[in-house]
Amino acid sequence: MMNPCSKIDWYLDICASEKRLSADTLKAYGVDLRQFAAFVSEKKVDRMLLSSYIQELNRRFSPRSAKRKIASVRAFFKELEYREVIGNNPFEKVRVKIQTPKQLPRIIPENYVARLLQEAYAIYSFRQSRWVLRDIAVLELLFSTGIRVSELCRLSPRNLSITGEQLWLLIFGKGSKERVIEIDMPESVKLIEKYLNVFQNEIATSSHILVNRDGRALSTQSARNIVNRYAKLADLPLHITPHMFRHTFATSLLEAGVDIRYIQSLLGHSSISTTQIYTHVSIQQQAKLLAQNHPRSRMSLSIE
């Protein structure tokens, strides 16, 4: 009998060409399915084996990660069944119940963000390094927009424009949803404009706003390393990730009294918590809300 795991590459090609899944999703599927293939080896894939695999995932991973990995394998077998590659789907008789605990979003205290940015600006003032300037652009965009790190690294010159002291970003989020964010914070916009001028050749060549030292698009891991590096330089007693900037962005606006529907639109979420409400917000209102309520407006940091 054919080993279903021999069809993983074939399935990923379908996900890319027909389902048009994002590169990040394809990468996650590939990792999950190859982990499953390593567990299966030459064994027969049946209900007992799947139950054993689920138990193994529960031992090795968090509930959220285990749930995602199971969903990846389930989708794989569903596609095999649909394409008539297999006759019976062994997942049909497998019960999966994983309780994912609700976790409060981890935010960065405002004074920590200020220290991190101050450290980056101070290093730039001392060294005048173009790569420190690039790092500050990463930090400013993460903090000022609440953008996902994957969205940040995908930004292209076509997605960004500056008019006076206003910066416009067209962001392509999850599920191919588009949203526009206008940044109306002069110091942040001035920094991004300086970065764009300094790196205009690399940006034109790579077709990406943020680039690495090889002139290619900055990777999500490199963006994480940048955040981690400046958090350490600022001697912050907290492990900081790019996604924590997103949580901080949303929480800061919420605490300032901004309607959660506006925050939902800014973040590109399709629902508010368990609800299905989705409200489009005018770009002008978004800019006003950010300028009035975002903590970055209360920090004085600029490059001469």
C-alpha atoms as a PDB file:
ATOM      1  CA  MET A   1       0.000   0.000   0.000  1.00  0.00           C
ATOM      2  CA  MET A   2       1.239   3.483  -0.868  1.00  0.00           C
ATOM      3  CA  ASN A   3       2.595   5.561   1.966  1.00  0.00           C
ATOM      4  CA  PRO A   4       0.467   8.773   1.979  1.00  0.00           C
ATOM      5  CA  CYS A   5       3.484  10.770   3.165  1.00  0.00           C
ATOM      6  CA  SER A   6       5.089  10.287  -0.251  1.00  0.00           C
ATOM      7  CA  LYS A   7       2.521  12.786  -1.533  1.00  0.00           C
ATOM      8  CA  ILE A   8       3.538  15.682   0.712  1.00  0.00           C
ATOM      9  CA  ASP A   9       5.467  17.625  -1.953  1.00  0.00           C
ATOM     10  CA  TRP A  10       2.629  17.030  -4.424  1.00  0.00           C
ATOM     11  CA  TYR A  11       0.139  18.381  -1.882  1.00  0.00           C
ATOM     12  CA  LEU A  12       2.258  21.471  -1.169  1.00  0.00           C
ATOM     13  CA  ASP A  13       2.430  22.192  -4.905  1.00  0.00           C
ATOM     14  CA  ILE A  14      -1.386  22.100  -5.019  1.00  0.00           C
ATOM     15  CA  CYS A  15      -1.563  24.439  -2.026  1.00  0.00           C
ATOM     16  CA  ALA A  16       0.741  26.865  -3.816  1.00  0.00           C
ATOM     17  CA  SER A  17      -0.625  26.727  -7.365  1.00  0.00           C
ATOM     18  CA  GLU A  18      -4.350  26.081  -6.845  1.00  0.00           C
ATOM     19  CA  LYS A  19      -5.130  27.206  -3.315  1.00  0.00           C
ATOM     20  CA  ARG A  20      -2.643  30.096  -3.609  1.00  0.00           C
ATOM     21  CA  LEU A  21      -1.648  29.905   0.032  1.00  0.00           C
ATOM     22  CA  SER A  22       0.926  32.364   1.335  1.00  0.00           C
ATOM     23  CA  ALA A  23       4.600  31.474   1.599  1.00  0.00           C
ATOM     24  CA  ASP A  24       4.365  31.542   5.400  1.00  0.00           C
ATOM     25  CA  THR A  25       1.425  29.114   5.406  1.00  0.00           C
ATOM     26  CA  LEU A  26       3.179  26.791   2.965  1.00  0.00           C
ATOM     27  CA  LYS A  27       6.281  26.793   5.132  1.00  0.00           C
ATOM     28  CA  ALA A  28       4.232  25.913   8.232  1.00  0.00           C
ATOM     29  CA  TYR A  29       2.399  23.130   6.382  1.00  0.00           C
ATOM     30  CA  GLY A  30       5.705  21.729   5.142  1.00  0.00           C
ATOM     31  CA  VAL A  31       7.207  21.652   8.648  1.00  0.00           C
ATOM     32  CA  ASP A  32       4.090  20.043  10.140  1.00  0.00           C
ATOM     33  CA  LEU A  33       3.719  17.397   7.449  1.00  0.00           C
ATOM     34  CA  ARG A  34       7.393  16.414   7.437  1.00  0.00           C
ATOM     35  CA  GLN A  35       7.278  16.028  11.214  1.00  0.00           C
ATOM     36  CA  PHE A  36       4.326  13.728  10.700  1.00  0.00           C
ATOM     37  CA  ALA A  37       6.180  11.788   7.987  1.00  0.00           C
ATOM     38  CA  ALA A  38       9.163  11.289  10.306  1.00  0.00           C
ATOM     39  CA  PHE A  39       6.827   9.889  12.978  1.00  0.00           C
ATOM     40  CA  VAL A  40       5.101   7.566  10.512  1.00  0.00           C
ATOM     41  CA  SER A  41       8.285   6.277   8.856  1.00  0.00           C
ATOM     42  CA  GLU A  42       7.260   2.971   7.235  1.00  0.00           C
ATOM     43  CA  LYS A  43       4.289   2.293   9.501  1.00  0.00           C
ATOM     44  CA  LYS A  44       0.723   1.964   8.274  1.00  0.00           C
ATOM     45  CA  VAL A  45      -1.308   5.138   8.704  1.00  0.00           C
ATOM     46  CA  ASP A  46      -4.500   4.183  10.503  1.00  0.00           C
ATOM     47  CA  ARG A  47      -6.651   5.432  13.366  1.00  0.00           C
ATOM     48  CA  MET A  48      -4.367   3.961  16.041  1.00  0.00           C
ATOM     49  CA  LEU A  49      -1.281   5.554  14.542  1.00  0.00           C
ATOM     50  CA  LEU A  50      -3.002   8.932  14.301  1.00  0.00           C
ATOM     51  CA  SER A  51      -4.105   8.673  17.927  1.00  0.00           C
ATOM     52  CA  SER A  52      -0.522   7.918  18.929  1.00  0.00           C
ATOM     53  CA  TYR A  53       0.700  10.895  16.927  1.00  0.00           C
ATOM     54  CA  ILE A  54      -1.789  13.218  18.615  1.00  0.00           C
ATOM     55  CA  GLN A  55      -0.590  11.990  22.008  1.00  0.00           C
ATOM     56  CA  GLU A  56       3.000  12.633  20.931  1.00  0.00           C
ATOM     57  CA  LEU A  57       2.130  16.195  19.877  1.00  0.00           C
ATOM     58  CA  ASN A  58       0.437  16.820  23.204  1.00  0.00           C
ATOM     59  CA  ARG A  59       3.591  15.725  25.020  1.00  0.00           C
ATOM     60  CA  ARG A  60       6.005  17.788  22.929  1.00  0.00           C
ATOM     61  CA  PHE A  61       4.148  20.970  22.036  1.00  0.00           C
ATOM     62  CA  SER A  62       1.868  23.595  23.481  1.00  0.00           C
ATOM     63  CA  PRO A  63      -1.884  23.091  22.951  1.00  0.00           C
ATOM     64  CA  ARG A  64      -1.941  25.821  20.295  1.00  0.00           C
ATOM     65  CA  SER A  65       0.961  24.334  18.320  1.00  0.00           C
ATOM     66  CA  ALA A  66      -0.411  20.800  18.632  1.00  0.00           C
ATOM     67  CA  LYS A  67      -3.804  21.938  17.387  1.00  0.00           C
ATOM     68  CA  ARG A  68      -2.240  23.626  14.353  1.00  0.00           C
ATOM     69  CA  LYS A  69      -0.115  20.596  13.476  1.00  0.00           C
ATOM     70  CA  ILE A  70      -3.110  18.281  13.700  1.00  0.00           C
ATOM     71  CA  ALA A  71      -5.095  20.633  11.464  1.00  0.00           C
ATOM     72  CA  SER A  72      -2.282  20.539   8.890  1.00  0.00           C
ATOM     73  CA  VAL A  73      -2.286  16.734   8.777  1.00  0.00           C
ATOM     74  CA  ARG A  74      -6.096  16.595   8.703  1.00  0.00           C
ATOM     75  CA  ALA A  75      -6.227  18.979   5.725  1.00  0.00           C
ATOM     76  CA  PHE A  76      -3.578  16.866   3.957  1.00  0.00           C
ATOM     77  CA  PHE A  77      -5.630  13.671   4.275  1.00  0.00           C
ATOM     78  CA  LYS A  78      -8.816  15.441   3.284  1.00  0.00           C
ATOM     79  CA  GLU A  79      -7.138  16.541   0.058  1.00  0.00           C
ATOM     80  CA  LEU A  80      -5.829  13.016  -0.590  1.00  0.00           C
ATOM     81  CA  GLU A  81      -9.364  11.694  -0.185  1.00  0.00           C
ATOM     82  CA  TYR A  82     -10.853  14.407  -2.405  1.00  0.00           C
ATOM     83  CA  ARG A  83      -8.324  13.660  -5.178  1.00  0.00           C
ATOM     84  CA  GLU A  84      -9.027   9.914  -4.754  1.00  0.00           C
ATOM     85  CA  VAL A  85      -5.392   9.236  -3.907  1.00  0.00           C
ATOM     86  CA  ILE A  86      -6.637   7.234  -0.904  1.00  0.00           C
ATOM     87  CA  GLY A  87      -9.890   5.343  -0.542  1.00  0.00           C
ATOM     88  CA  ASN A  88     -10.566   5.891   3.139  1.00  0.00           C
ATOM     89  CA  ASN A  89      -9.580   8.873   5.226  1.00  0.00           C
ATOM     90  CA  PRO A  90      -8.213   7.567   8.552  1.00  0.00           C
ATOM     91  CA  PHE A  91      -8.936  10.936  10.176  1.00  0.00           C
ATOM     92  CA  GLU A  92     -12.684  10.460   9.793  1.00  0.00           C
ATOM     93  CA  LYS A  93     -12.836   8.199  12.834  1.00  0.00           C
ATOM     94  CA  VAL A  94     -10.317  10.060  14.980  1.00  0.00           C
ATOM     95  CA  ARG A  95     -11.610  12.320  17.717  1.00  0.00           C
ATOM     96  CA  VAL A  96      -9.430  15.302  18.492  1.00  0.00           C
ATOM     97  CA  LYS A  97     -10.125  17.433  21.527  1.00  0.00           C
ATOM     98  CA  ILE A  98      -7.452  19.835  22.655  1.00  0.00           C
ATOM     99  CA  GLN A  99      -8.286  22.579  25.104  1.00  0.00           C
ATOM    100  CA  THR A 100      -6.296  25.670  24.196  1.00  0.00           C
ATOM    101  CA  PRO A 101      -5.966  27.914  27.230  1.00  0.00           C
ATOM    102  CA  LYS A 102      -6.717  31.566  26.691  1.00  0.00           C
ATOM    103  CA  GLN A 103      -3.558  33.603  26.959  1.00  0.00           C
ATOM    104  CA  LEU A 104      -3.459  37.301  27.634  1.00  0.00           C
ATOM    105  CA  PRO A 105      -1.459  39.178  25.005  1.00  0.00           C
ATOM    106  CA  ARG A 106       2.039  40.053  26.163  1.00  0.00           C
ATOM    107  CA  ILE A 107       2.668  43.766  25.840  1.00  0.00           C
ATOM    108  CA  ILE A 108       5.739  45.954  26.197  1.00  0.00           C
ATOM    109  CA  PRO A 109       5.541  48.642  28.899  1.00  0.00           C
ATOM    110  CA  GLU A 110       5.686  52.097  27.340  1.00  0.00           C
ATOM    111  CA  ASN A 111       8.859  53.037  29.197  1.00  0.00           C
ATOM    112  CA  TYR A 112      10.539  49.902  27.820  1.00  0.00           C
ATOM    113  CA  VAL A 113       9.601  50.876  24.266  1.00  0.00           C
ATOM    114  CA  ALA A 114      11.001  54.353  24.889  1.00  0.00           C
ATOM    115  CA  ARG A 115      14.274  52.904  26.221  1.00  0.00           C
ATOM    116  CA  LEU A 116      14.596  50.547  23.251  1.00  0.00           C
ATOM    117  CA  LEU A 117      14.034  53.325  20.707  1.00  0.00           C
ATOM    118  CA  GLN A 118      16.289  55.738  22.598  1.00  0.00           C
ATOM    119  CA  GLU A 119      19.083  53.154  22.529  1.00  0.00           C
ATOM    120  CA  ALA A 120      18.717  52.676  18.769  1.00  0.00           C
ATOM    121  CA  TYR A 121      18.656  56.423  18.096  1.00  0.00           C
ATOM    122  CA  ALA A 122      21.675  56.994  20.346  1.00  0.00           C
ATOM    123  CA  ILE A 123      23.684  54.323  18.524  1.00  0.00           C
ATOM    124  CA  TYR A 124      22.801  55.902  15.179  1.00  0.00           C
ATOM    125  CA  SER A 125      23.811  59.364  16.393  1.00  0.00           C
ATOM    126  CA  PHE A 126      27.195  57.949  17.448  1.00  0.00           C
ATOM    127  CA  ARG A 127      27.928  55.688  14.473  1.00  0.00           C
ATOM    128  CA  GLN A 128      25.873  57.200  11.628  1.00  0.00           C
ATOM    129  CA  SER A 129      25.549  53.609  10.358  1.00  0.00           C
ATOM    130  CA  ARG A 130      23.076  53.063   7.541  1.00  0.00           C
ATOM    131  CA  TRP A 131      22.289  49.621   8.974  1.00  0.00           C
ATOM    132  CA  VAL A 132      21.361  51.077  12.338  1.00  0.00           C
ATOM    133  CA  LEU A 133      19.094  53.433  10.382  1.00  0.00           C
ATOM    134  CA  ARG A 134      17.507  50.343   8.787  1.00  0.00           C
ATOM    135  CA  ASP A 135      17.040  48.821  12.238  1.00  0.00           C
ATOM    136  CA  ILE A 136      15.315  51.957  13.521  1.00  0.00           C
ATOM    137  CA  ALA A 137      12.975  51.860  10.500  1.00  0.00           C
ATOM    138  CA  VAL A 138      12.010  48.293  11.466  1.00  0.00           C
ATOM    139  CA  LEU A 139      11.343  49.282  15.085  1.00  0.00           C
ATOM    140  CA  GLU A 140       9.417  52.432  14.163  1.00  0.00           C
ATOM    141  CA  LEU A 141       7.153  50.623  11.686  1.00  0.00           C
ATOM    142  CA  LEU A 142       6.421  47.798  14.114  1.00  0.00           C
ATOM    143  CA  PHE A 143       5.527  50.203  16.903  1.00  0.00           C
ATOM    144  CA  SER A 144       3.750  52.883  14.877  1.00  0.00           C
ATOM    145  CA  THR A 145       1.489  50.582  12.847  1.00  0.00           C
ATOM    146  CA  GLY A 146       0.949  47.314  14.738  1.00  0.00           C
ATOM    147  CA  ILE A 147       1.914  45.519  11.539  1.00  0.00           C
ATOM    148  CA  ARG A 148       2.602  41.772  11.556  1.00  0.00           C
ATOM    149  CA  VAL A 149       6.275  40.951  11.045  1.00  0.00           C
ATOM    150  CA  SER A 150       5.427  38.953   7.894  1.00  0.00           C
ATOM    151  CA  GLU A 151       3.521  41.945   6.512  1.00  0.00           C
ATOM    152  CA  LEU A 152       6.415  44.221   7.392  1.00  0.00           C
ATOM    153  CA  CYS A 153       8.942  42.135   5.483  1.00  0.00           C
ATOM    154  CA  ARG A 154       6.653  41.934   2.428  1.00  0.00           C
ATOM    155  CA  LEU A 155       6.245  45.715   2.072  1.00  0.00           C
ATOM    156  CA  SER A 156       7.182  46.897  -1.405  1.00  0.00           C
ATOM    157  CA  PRO A 157       7.729  50.419  -2.788  1.00  0.00           C
ATOM    158  CA  ARG A 158       4.251  50.213  -4.342  1.00  0.00           C
ATOM    159  CA  ASN A 159       2.769  49.802  -0.845  1.00  0.00           C
ATOM    160  CA  LEU A 160       4.221  52.991   0.614  1.00  0.00           C
ATOM    161  CA  SER A 161       3.956  56.676  -0.111  1.00  0.00           C
ATOM    162  CA  ILE A 162       4.799  59.880   1.766  1.00  0.00           C
ATOM    163  CA  THR A 163       2.912  63.129   1.385  1.00  0.00           C
ATOM    164  CA  GLY A 164       4.290  65.947   3.482  1.00  0.00           C
ATOM    165  CA  GLU A 165       4.442  64.612   7.041  1.00  0.00           C
ATOM    166  CA  GLN A 166       2.066  61.718   6.377  1.00  0.00           C
ATOM    167  CA  LEU A 167       3.050  58.181   5.456  1.00  0.00           C
ATOM    168  CA  TRP A 168       0.609  55.791   3.801  1.00  0.00           C
ATOM    169  CA  LEU A 169       0.944  52.021   3.911  1.00  0.00           C
ATOM    170  CA  LEU A 170      -1.090  49.550   1.883  1.00  0.00           C
ATOM    171  CA  ILE A 171      -0.854  46.284   3.796  1.00  0.00           C
ATOM    172  CA  PHE A 172      -1.803  42.847   2.488  1.00  0.00           C
ATOM    173  CA  GLY A 173      -2.775  40.762   5.489  1.00  0.00           C
ATOM    174  CA  LYS A 174      -4.071  37.295   6.190  1.00  0.00           C
ATOM    175  CA  GLY A 175      -6.690  35.915   3.849  1.00  0.00           C
ATOM    176  CA  SER A 176      -5.603  38.393   1.130  1.00  0.00           C
ATOM    177  CA  LYS A 177      -7.332  41.204   3.037  1.00  0.00           C
ATOM    178  CA  GLU A 178      -6.079  44.702   2.297  1.00  0.00           C
ATOM    179  CA  ARG A 179      -5.958  47.631   4.683  1.00  0.00           C
ATOM    180  CA  VAL A 180      -4.521  51.122   4.565  1.00  0.00           C
ATOM    181  CA  ILE A 181      -2.790  52.767   7.508  1.00  0.00           C
ATOM    182  CA  GLU A 182      -1.820  56.426   7.521  1.00  0.00           C
ATOM    183  CA  ILE A 183       0.912  57.496   9.940  1.00  0.00           C
ATOM    184  CA  ASP A 184       0.625  61.126  10.941  1.00  0.00           C
ATOM    185  CA  MET A 185       3.539  61.300  13.392  1.00  0.00           C
ATOM    186  CA  PRO A 186       6.183  63.677  11.958  1.00  0.00           C
ATOM    187  CA  GLU A 187       9.250  62.206  13.686  1.00  0.00           C
ATOM    188  CA  SER A 188       8.421  58.661  12.612  1.00  0.00           C
ATOM    189  CA  VAL A 189       7.671  59.776   9.055  1.00  0.00           C
ATOM    190  CA  LYS A 190      10.921  61.783   8.896  1.00  0.00           C
ATOM    191  CA  LEU A 191      12.891  58.711   9.974  1.00  0.00           C
ATOM    192  CA  ILE A 192      11.250  56.477   7.352  1.00  0.00           C
ATOM    193  CA  GLU A 193      11.780  59.111   4.656  1.00  0.00           C
ATOM    194  CA  LYS A 194      15.488  59.314   5.529  1.00  0.00           C
ATOM    195  CA  TYR A 195      15.758  55.526   5.390  1.00  0.00           C
ATOM    196  CA  LEU A 196      14.060  55.428   1.970  1.00  0.00           C
ATOM    197  CA  ASN A 197      16.540  57.988   0.612  1.00  0.00           C
ATOM    198  CA  VAL A 198      19.603  56.195   1.992  1.00  0.00           C
ATOM    199  CA  PHE A 199      18.485  52.761   0.762  1.00  0.00           C
ATOM    200  CA  GLN A 200      16.802  53.768  -2.493  1.00  0.00           C
ATOM    201  CA  ASN A 201      19.118  51.624  -4.660  1.00  0.00           C
ATOM    202  CA  GLU A 202      18.642  48.456  -2.610  1.00  0.00           C
ATOM    203  CA  ILE A 203      14.896  49.065  -2.425  1.00  0.00           C
ATOM    204  CA  ALA A 204      14.647  49.490  -6.200  1.00  0.00           C
ATOM    205  CA  THR A 205      16.697  46.338  -6.840  1.00  0.00           C
ATOM    206  CA  SER A 206      14.950  44.099  -4.310  1.00  0.00           C
ATOM    207  CA  SER A 207      11.433  45.558  -4.746  1.00  0.00           C
ATOM    208  CA  HIS A 208      11.128  45.471  -0.963  1.00  0.00           C
ATOM    209  CA  ILE A 209      11.170  48.327   1.506  1.00  0.00           C
ATOM    210  CA  LEU A 210      13.285  46.554   4.116  1.00  0.00           C
ATOM    211  CA  VAL A 211      16.483  44.864   2.966  1.00  0.00           C
ATOM    212  CA  ASN A 212      19.381  42.876   4.370  1.00  0.00           C
ATOM    213  CA  ARG A 213      23.116  43.350   3.817  1.00  0.00           C
ATOM    214  CA  ASP A 214      22.961  41.240   0.653  1.00  0.00           C
ATOM    215  CA  GLY A 215      20.438  43.627  -0.872  1.00  0.00           C
ATOM    216  CA  ARG A 216      17.590  41.145  -0.600  1.00  0.00           C
ATOM    217  CA  ALA A 217      14.315  41.373   1.292  1.00  0.00           C
ATOM    218  CA  LEU A 218      14.683  41.302   5.059  1.00  0.00           C
ATOM    219  CA  SER A 219      13.519  37.977   6.499  1.00  0.00           C
ATOM    220  CA  THR A 220      11.104  37.673   9.406  1.00  0.00           C
ATOM    221  CA  GLN A 221      13.844  36.018  11.462  1.00  0.00           C
ATOM    222  CA  SER A 222      16.181  38.944  10.798  1.00  0.00           C
ATOM    223  CA  ALA A 223      13.459  41.340  11.965  1.00  0.00           C
ATOM    224  CA  ARG A 224      13.105  39.293  15.162  1.00  0.00           C
ATOM    225  CA  ASN A 225      16.875  39.430  15.651  1.00  0.00           C
ATOM    226  CA  ILE A 226      16.841  43.210  15.290  1.00  0.00           C
ATOM    227  CA  VAL A 227      14.179  43.562  17.990  1.00  0.00           C
ATOM    228  CA  ASN A 228      16.027  41.175  20.279  1.00  0.00           C
ATOM    229  CA  ARG A 229      19.371  42.920  19.741  1.00  0.00           C
ATOM    230  CA  TYR A 230      18.166  46.375  20.740  1.00  0.00           C
ATOM    231  CA  ALA A 231      16.170  45.019  23.663  1.00  0.00           C
ATOM    232  CA  LYS A 232      19.414  43.532  24.981  1.00  0.00           C
ATOM    233  CA  LEU A 233      21.367  46.724  24.287  1.00  0.00           C
ATOM    234  CA  ALA A 234      18.726  48.664  26.222  1.00  0.00           C
ATOM    235  CA  ASP A 235      19.126  46.121  29.046  1.00  0.00           C
ATOM    236  CA  LEU A 236      15.413  45.386  29.168  1.00  0.00           C
ATOM    237  CA  PRO A 237      14.413  42.622  31.638  1.00  0.00           C
ATOM    238  CA  LEU A 238      11.957  41.205  29.126  1.00  0.00           C
ATOM    239  CA  HIS A 239      12.199  39.027  26.037  1.00  0.00           C
ATOM    240  CA  ILE A 240      10.584  41.107  23.311  1.00  0.00           C
ATOM    241  CA  THR A 241       9.237  39.829  19.992  1.00  0.00           C
ATOM    242  CA  PRO A 242       7.866  41.745  16.985  1.00  0.00           C
ATOM    243  CA  HIS A 243       4.365  40.486  17.732  1.00  0.00           C
ATOM    244  CA  MET A 244       4.509  42.101  21.158  1.00  0.00           C
ATOM    245  CA  PHE A 245       4.706  45.478  19.395  1.00  0.00           C
ATOM    246  CA  ARG A 246       1.396  44.570  17.733  1.00  0.00           C
ATOM    247  CA  HIS A 247      -0.206  43.741  21.084  1.00  0.00           C
ATOM    248  CA  THR A 248       1.222  46.933  22.572  1.00  0.00           C
ATOM    249  CA  PHE A 249      -0.128  48.984  19.675  1.00  0.00           C
ATOM    250  CA  ALA A 250      -3.648  47.622  20.145  1.00  0.00           C
ATOM    251  CA  THR A 251      -3.634  47.761  23.947  1.00  0.00           C
ATOM    252  CA  SER A 252      -2.327  51.340  24.024  1.00  0.00           C
ATOM    253  CA  LEU A 253      -5.100  52.550  21.737  1.00  0.00           C
ATOM    254  CA  LEU A 254      -7.737  50.584  23.638  1.00  0.00           C
ATOM    255  CA  GLU A 255      -6.600  52.039  26.963  1.00  0.00           C
ATOM    256  CA  ALA A 256      -6.734  55.513  25.417  1.00  0.00           C
ATOM    257  CA  GLY A 257     -10.419  54.997  24.732  1.00  0.00           C
ATOM    258  CA  VAL A 258     -10.262  54.198  21.032  1.00  0.00           C
ATOM    259  CA  ASP A 259     -13.260  52.192  19.813  1.00  0.00           C
ATOM    260  CA  ILE A 260     -12.320  48.530  19.423  1.00  0.00           C
ATOM    261  CA  ARG A 261     -13.803  48.538  15.917  1.00  0.00           C
ATOM    262  CA  TYR A 262     -11.204  51.097  14.824  1.00  0.00           C
ATOM    263  CA  ILE A 263      -8.450  48.967  16.323  1.00  0.00           C
ATOM    264  CA  GLN A 264      -9.859  45.933  14.544  1.00  0.00           C
ATOM    265  CA  SER A 265      -9.596  47.759  11.218  1.00  0.00           C
ATOM    266  CA  LEU A 266      -6.074  48.991  11.912  1.00  0.00           C
ATOM    267  CA  LEU A 267      -4.879  45.476  12.737  1.00  0.00           C
ATOM    268  CA  GLY A 268      -6.696  43.835   9.832  1.00  0.00           C
ATOM    269  CA  HIS A 269      -8.703  41.454  12.001  1.00  0.00           C
ATOM    270  CA  SER A 270     -11.833  39.911  10.519  1.00  0.00           C
ATOM    271  CA  SER A 271     -13.625  39.723  13.868  1.00  0.00           C
ATOM    272  CA  ILE A 272     -13.635  41.202  17.349  1.00  0.00           C
ATOM    273  CA  SER A 273     -12.942  38.433  19.832  1.00  0.00           C
ATOM    274  CA  THR A 274     -15.739  35.889  19.359  1.00  0.00           C
ATOM    275  CA  THR A 275     -17.972  38.246  17.409  1.00  0.00           C
ATOM    276  CA  GLN A 276     -18.224  38.546  13.659  1.00  0.00           C
ATOM    277  CA  ILE A 277     -18.437  42.333  13.555  1.00  0.00           C
ATOM    278  CA  TYR A 278     -16.219  44.025  11.000  1.00  0.00           C
ATOM    279  CA  THR A 279     -16.392  47.756  10.503  1.00  0.00           C
ATOM    280  CA  HIS A 280     -14.483  49.684   7.869  1.00  0.00           C
ATOM    281  CA  VAL A 281     -12.940  52.877   9.151  1.00  0.00           C
ATOM    282  CA  SER A 282     -12.084  55.884   7.032  1.00  0.00           C
ATOM    283  CA  ILE A 283      -8.380  56.415   6.471  1.00  0.00           C
ATOM    284  CA  GLN A 284      -8.647  59.987   7.733  1.00  0.00           C
ATOM    285  CA  GLN A 285     -10.139  58.797  11.019  1.00  0.00           C
ATOM    286  CA  GLN A 286      -7.389  56.199  11.389  1.00  0.00           C
ATOM    287  CA  ALA A 287      -4.708  58.871  10.994  1.00  0.00           C
ATOM    288  CA  LYS A 288      -6.413  61.160  13.508  1.00  0.00           C
ATOM    289  CA  LEU A 289      -6.727  58.367  16.056  1.00  0.00           C
ATOM    290  CA  LEU A 290      -3.085  57.350  15.671  1.00  0.00           C
ATOM    291  CA  ALA A 291      -1.807  60.924  15.902  1.00  0.00           C
ATOM    292  CA  GLN A 292      -3.862  61.678  19.023  1.00  0.00           C
ATOM    293  CA  ASN A 293      -3.565  58.429  20.940  1.00  0.00           C
ATOM    294  CA  HIS A 294      -0.444  56.481  19.935  1.00  0.00           C
ATOM    295  CA  PRO A 295       2.366  56.570  22.560  1.00  0.00           C
ATOM    296  CA  ARG A 296       4.966  57.374  19.848  1.00  0.00           C
ATOM    297  CA  SER A 297       3.519  60.877  19.663  1.00  0.00           C
ATOM    298  CA  ARG A 298       4.679  61.474  23.246  1.00  0.00           C
ATOM    299  CA  MET A 299       8.297  60.477  22.538  1.00  0.00           C
ATOM    300  CA  SER A 300      10.781  63.002  21.181  1.00  0.00           C
ATOM    301  CA  LEU A 301      13.263  61.187  18.937  1.00  0.00           C
ATOM    302  CA  SER A 302      14.541  62.495  15.632  1.00  0.00           C
ATOM    303  CA  ILE A 303      17.493  62.386  13.291  1.00  0.00           C
ATOM    304  CA  GLU A 304      19.065  65.607  12.072  1.00  0.00           C
END
